[in-house]
């Protein structure tokens, strides 16, 4: 649930009030979480200071997911952030 929350938070931030799309599926018997947003800009992983209230999303996603990444949307509009979770 934490990973999905971070993926959605990144998408909402990038979408700036526009629609996002969420997809949960099973891929090779593992949960696959995906979220599309209209922004083509890929998120950047950064080191957040201990006092920061944001900036740890990608670090959390990579820590808990079996694999994760970002890809251009199949429609050519925006991107998809995804995470394959351990079984």
N, C-alpha and C. Protein backbone atom coordinates (compact mmCIF):
# COMPACT_ATOMS: atom_id res chain seq x y z
N UNK A 1 0.81 -1.19 0.00
CA UNK A 1 0.00 0.00 0.00
C UNK A 1 0.87 1.27 0.00
N UNK A 2 1.98 1.22 0.72
CA UNK A 2 2.88 2.38 0.78
C UNK A 2 3.45 2.69 -0.60
N UNK A 3 3.84 1.65 -1.34
CA UNK A 3 4.40 1.86 -2.68
C UNK A 3 3.36 2.49 -3.60
N UNK A 4 2.13 1.98 -3.56
CA UNK A 4 1.07 2.56 -4.39
C UNK A 4 0.84 4.02 -4.02
N UNK A 5 0.85 4.32 -2.75
CA UNK A 5 0.67 5.70 -2.30
C UNK A 5 1.75 6.61 -2.86
N UNK A 6 2.99 6.15 -2.85
CA UNK A 6 4.09 6.96 -3.38
C UNK A 6 3.99 7.13 -4.89
N UNK A 7 3.60 6.08 -5.61
CA UNK A 7 3.43 6.17 -7.06
C UNK A 7 2.33 7.18 -7.40
N UNK A 8 1.21 7.08 -6.70
CA UNK A 8 0.09 7.99 -6.95
C UNK A 8 0.47 9.43 -6.57
N UNK A 9 1.17 9.61 -5.47
CA UNK A 9 1.59 10.95 -5.06
C UNK A 9 2.48 11.59 -6.13
N UNK A 10 3.42 10.83 -6.68
CA UNK A 10 4.27 11.35 -7.76
C UNK A 10 3.43 11.74 -8.97
N UNK A 11 2.45 10.90 -9.32
CA UNK A 11 1.61 11.18 -10.49
C UNK A 11 0.74 12.42 -10.27
N UNK A 12 0.14 12.53 -9.09
CA UNK A 12 -0.70 13.70 -8.78
C UNK A 12 0.12 14.98 -8.85
N UNK A 13 1.33 14.94 -8.31
CA UNK A 13 2.21 16.11 -8.35
C UNK A 13 2.55 16.48 -9.79
N UNK A 14 2.88 15.49 -10.61
CA UNK A 14 3.24 15.75 -12.01
C UNK A 14 2.05 16.19 -12.85
N UNK A 15 0.86 15.68 -12.53
CA UNK A 15 -0.34 15.96 -13.33
C UNK A 15 -0.86 17.38 -13.14
N UNK A 16 -0.55 18.00 -12.03
CA UNK A 16 -0.97 19.38 -11.76
C UNK A 16 -2.46 19.61 -12.03
N UNK A 17 -3.28 18.79 -11.39
CA UNK A 17 -4.73 18.95 -11.50
C UNK A 17 -5.37 18.20 -12.64
N UNK A 18 -4.59 17.61 -13.52
CA UNK A 18 -5.16 16.83 -14.61
C UNK A 18 -5.41 15.39 -14.14
N UNK A 19 -6.08 14.63 -14.98
CA UNK A 19 -6.43 13.25 -14.66
C UNK A 19 -5.19 12.35 -14.61
N UNK A 20 -5.21 11.36 -13.71
CA UNK A 20 -4.21 10.29 -13.70
C UNK A 20 -4.97 8.97 -13.83
N UNK A 21 -4.26 7.90 -14.15
CA UNK A 21 -4.90 6.58 -14.26
C UNK A 21 -4.06 5.58 -13.46
N UNK A 22 -4.76 4.74 -12.75
CA UNK A 22 -4.13 3.75 -11.89
C UNK A 22 -4.48 2.36 -12.41
N UNK A 23 -3.51 1.45 -12.38
CA UNK A 23 -3.76 0.08 -12.83
C UNK A 23 -3.04 -0.88 -11.90
N UNK A 24 -3.75 -1.90 -11.46
CA UNK A 24 -3.17 -2.98 -10.67
C UNK A 24 -3.42 -4.27 -11.44
N UNK A 25 -2.39 -5.07 -11.60
CA UNK A 25 -2.50 -6.30 -12.36
C UNK A 25 -1.58 -7.36 -11.75
N UNK A 26 -1.69 -8.56 -12.26
CA UNK A 26 -0.77 -9.64 -11.88
C UNK A 26 0.12 -9.92 -13.08
N UNK A 27 1.43 -9.89 -12.86
CA UNK A 27 2.41 -10.13 -13.91
C UNK A 27 3.34 -11.24 -13.43
N UNK A 28 3.29 -12.38 -14.09
CA UNK A 28 4.10 -13.54 -13.68
C UNK A 28 3.90 -13.84 -12.20
N UNK A 29 2.66 -13.86 -11.77
CA UNK A 29 2.23 -14.18 -10.40
C UNK A 29 2.65 -13.14 -9.35
N UNK A 30 3.06 -11.97 -9.78
CA UNK A 30 3.44 -10.91 -8.85
C UNK A 30 2.57 -9.68 -9.09
N UNK A 31 2.24 -8.94 -8.03
CA UNK A 31 1.45 -7.72 -8.20
C UNK A 31 2.24 -6.65 -8.97
N UNK A 32 1.59 -6.07 -9.97
CA UNK A 32 2.17 -4.99 -10.76
C UNK A 32 1.32 -3.75 -10.54
N UNK A 33 1.95 -2.68 -10.08
CA UNK A 33 1.27 -1.41 -9.83
C UNK A 33 1.74 -0.41 -10.87
N UNK A 34 0.80 0.27 -11.53
CA UNK A 34 1.15 1.26 -12.55
C UNK A 34 0.29 2.50 -12.37
N UNK A 35 0.87 3.64 -12.66
CA UNK A 35 0.11 4.89 -12.62
C UNK A 35 0.57 5.77 -13.77
N UNK A 36 -0.39 6.21 -14.59
CA UNK A 36 -0.13 7.09 -15.73
C UNK A 36 -0.42 8.53 -15.32
N UNK A 37 0.42 9.44 -15.79
CA UNK A 37 0.11 10.86 -15.67
C UNK A 37 0.49 11.55 -16.98
N UNK A 38 -0.08 12.72 -17.27
CA UNK A 38 0.12 13.37 -18.56
C UNK A 38 1.47 14.04 -18.75
N UNK A 39 2.28 14.13 -17.72
CA UNK A 39 3.57 14.81 -17.85
C UNK A 39 4.63 13.87 -18.42
N UNK A 40 5.39 14.31 -19.42
CA UNK A 40 6.46 13.46 -19.97
C UNK A 40 7.71 13.46 -19.09
N UNK A 41 7.79 14.39 -18.13
CA UNK A 41 8.98 14.51 -17.28
C UNK A 41 9.09 13.31 -16.35
N UNK A 42 10.25 12.67 -16.37
CA UNK A 42 10.48 11.52 -15.49
C UNK A 42 10.85 11.99 -14.09
N UNK A 43 10.38 11.27 -13.07
CA UNK A 43 10.76 11.66 -11.71
C UNK A 43 12.25 11.42 -11.49
N UNK A 44 12.83 12.22 -10.63
CA UNK A 44 14.27 12.12 -10.35
C UNK A 44 14.46 11.72 -8.89
N UNK A 45 15.21 10.65 -8.68
CA UNK A 45 15.50 10.23 -7.31
C UNK A 45 16.56 11.16 -6.73
N UNK A 46 16.31 11.60 -5.50
CA UNK A 46 17.25 12.52 -4.87
C UNK A 46 17.37 12.18 -3.40
N UNK A 47 18.43 12.67 -2.80
CA UNK A 47 18.62 12.50 -1.36
C UNK A 47 17.90 13.64 -0.65
N UNK A 48 16.91 13.29 0.14
CA UNK A 48 16.16 14.31 0.87
C UNK A 48 16.77 14.48 2.26
N UNK A 49 16.91 15.72 2.70
CA UNK A 49 17.40 15.95 4.07
C UNK A 49 16.46 15.30 5.09
N UNK A 50 16.97 14.95 6.24
CA UNK A 50 16.16 14.31 7.27
C UNK A 50 14.95 15.15 7.67
N UNK A 51 15.06 16.45 7.57
CA UNK A 51 13.97 17.33 7.97
C UNK A 51 12.94 17.57 6.86
N UNK A 52 13.22 17.09 5.65
CA UNK A 52 12.31 17.31 4.52
C UNK A 52 11.01 16.52 4.70
N UNK A 53 9.91 17.11 4.25
CA UNK A 53 8.61 16.45 4.32
C UNK A 53 8.26 15.73 3.03
N UNK A 54 9.11 15.84 2.03
CA UNK A 54 8.88 15.15 0.76
C UNK A 54 10.23 14.82 0.13
N UNK A 55 10.17 14.11 -1.01
CA UNK A 55 11.40 13.82 -1.72
C UNK A 55 11.93 12.41 -1.53
N UNK A 56 11.14 11.55 -0.87
CA UNK A 56 11.60 10.19 -0.63
C UNK A 56 10.81 9.13 -1.40
N UNK A 57 9.90 9.55 -2.24
CA UNK A 57 9.01 8.61 -2.94
C UNK A 57 9.72 7.53 -3.72
N UNK A 58 10.64 7.91 -4.60
CA UNK A 58 11.33 6.91 -5.41
C UNK A 58 12.23 6.02 -4.56
N UNK A 59 12.80 6.57 -3.51
CA UNK A 59 13.62 5.76 -2.61
C UNK A 59 12.76 4.69 -1.93
N UNK A 60 11.57 5.06 -1.51
CA UNK A 60 10.65 4.09 -0.89
C UNK A 60 10.22 3.04 -1.90
N UNK A 61 9.88 3.47 -3.12
CA UNK A 61 9.45 2.54 -4.16
C UNK A 61 10.54 1.52 -4.45
N UNK A 62 11.76 1.96 -4.65
CA UNK A 62 12.85 1.03 -4.98
C UNK A 62 13.22 0.14 -3.79
N UNK A 63 13.00 0.61 -2.58
CA UNK A 63 13.30 -0.20 -1.39
C UNK A 63 12.33 -1.37 -1.23
N UNK A 64 11.06 -1.17 -1.57
CA UNK A 64 10.05 -2.19 -1.34
C UNK A 64 9.70 -3.01 -2.58
N UNK A 65 9.91 -2.48 -3.76
CA UNK A 65 9.53 -3.18 -4.99
C UNK A 65 10.62 -4.16 -5.42
N UNK A 66 10.19 -5.21 -6.08
CA UNK A 66 11.12 -6.17 -6.67
C UNK A 66 11.84 -5.52 -7.85
N UNK A 67 11.10 -4.71 -8.59
CA UNK A 67 11.63 -3.95 -9.73
C UNK A 67 10.70 -2.76 -9.94
N UNK A 68 11.22 -1.70 -10.51
CA UNK A 68 10.38 -0.52 -10.75
C UNK A 68 11.01 0.34 -11.83
N UNK A 69 10.22 1.27 -12.35
CA UNK A 69 10.76 2.16 -13.36
C UNK A 69 9.72 3.11 -13.90
N UNK A 70 10.12 3.81 -14.94
CA UNK A 70 9.25 4.75 -15.63
C UNK A 70 9.40 4.49 -17.12
N UNK A 71 8.29 4.56 -17.84
CA UNK A 71 8.33 4.39 -19.29
C UNK A 71 7.37 5.38 -19.94
N UNK A 72 7.64 5.74 -21.19
CA UNK A 72 6.68 6.59 -21.90
C UNK A 72 5.35 5.85 -22.05
N UNK A 73 4.26 6.57 -22.01
CA UNK A 73 2.95 5.95 -22.19
C UNK A 73 2.82 5.41 -23.61
N UNK A 74 2.09 4.32 -23.76
CA UNK A 74 1.89 3.71 -25.08
C UNK A 74 1.23 4.67 -26.06
N UNK A 75 0.44 5.61 -25.55
CA UNK A 75 -0.25 6.58 -26.40
C UNK A 75 0.69 7.68 -26.89
N UNK A 76 1.89 7.73 -26.29
CA UNK A 76 2.83 8.79 -26.63
C UNK A 76 2.61 10.06 -25.83
N UNK A 77 1.64 10.01 -24.94
CA UNK A 77 1.29 11.18 -24.13
C UNK A 77 1.53 10.85 -22.66
N UNK A 78 2.49 11.50 -22.04
CA UNK A 78 2.74 11.27 -20.63
C UNK A 78 3.65 10.08 -20.37
N UNK A 79 3.58 9.57 -19.14
CA UNK A 79 4.45 8.46 -18.74
C UNK A 79 3.71 7.54 -17.78
N UNK A 80 4.29 6.38 -17.56
CA UNK A 80 3.79 5.41 -16.59
C UNK A 80 4.90 5.12 -15.60
N UNK A 81 4.60 5.27 -14.32
CA UNK A 81 5.51 4.84 -13.27
C UNK A 81 4.98 3.49 -12.80
N UNK A 82 5.85 2.50 -12.69
CA UNK A 82 5.40 1.16 -12.34
C UNK A 82 6.29 0.53 -11.27
N UNK A 83 5.72 -0.43 -10.57
CA UNK A 83 6.46 -1.19 -9.56
C UNK A 83 5.95 -2.62 -9.56
N UNK A 84 6.86 -3.56 -9.69
CA UNK A 84 6.55 -4.98 -9.59
C UNK A 84 6.88 -5.39 -8.16
N UNK A 85 5.88 -5.86 -7.45
CA UNK A 85 6.05 -6.15 -6.03
C UNK A 85 6.46 -7.61 -5.81
N UNK A 86 7.15 -7.89 -4.71
CA UNK A 86 7.50 -9.28 -4.41
C UNK A 86 6.23 -10.09 -4.14
N UNK A 87 6.31 -11.37 -4.39
CA UNK A 87 5.14 -12.25 -4.15
C UNK A 87 5.12 -12.71 -2.71
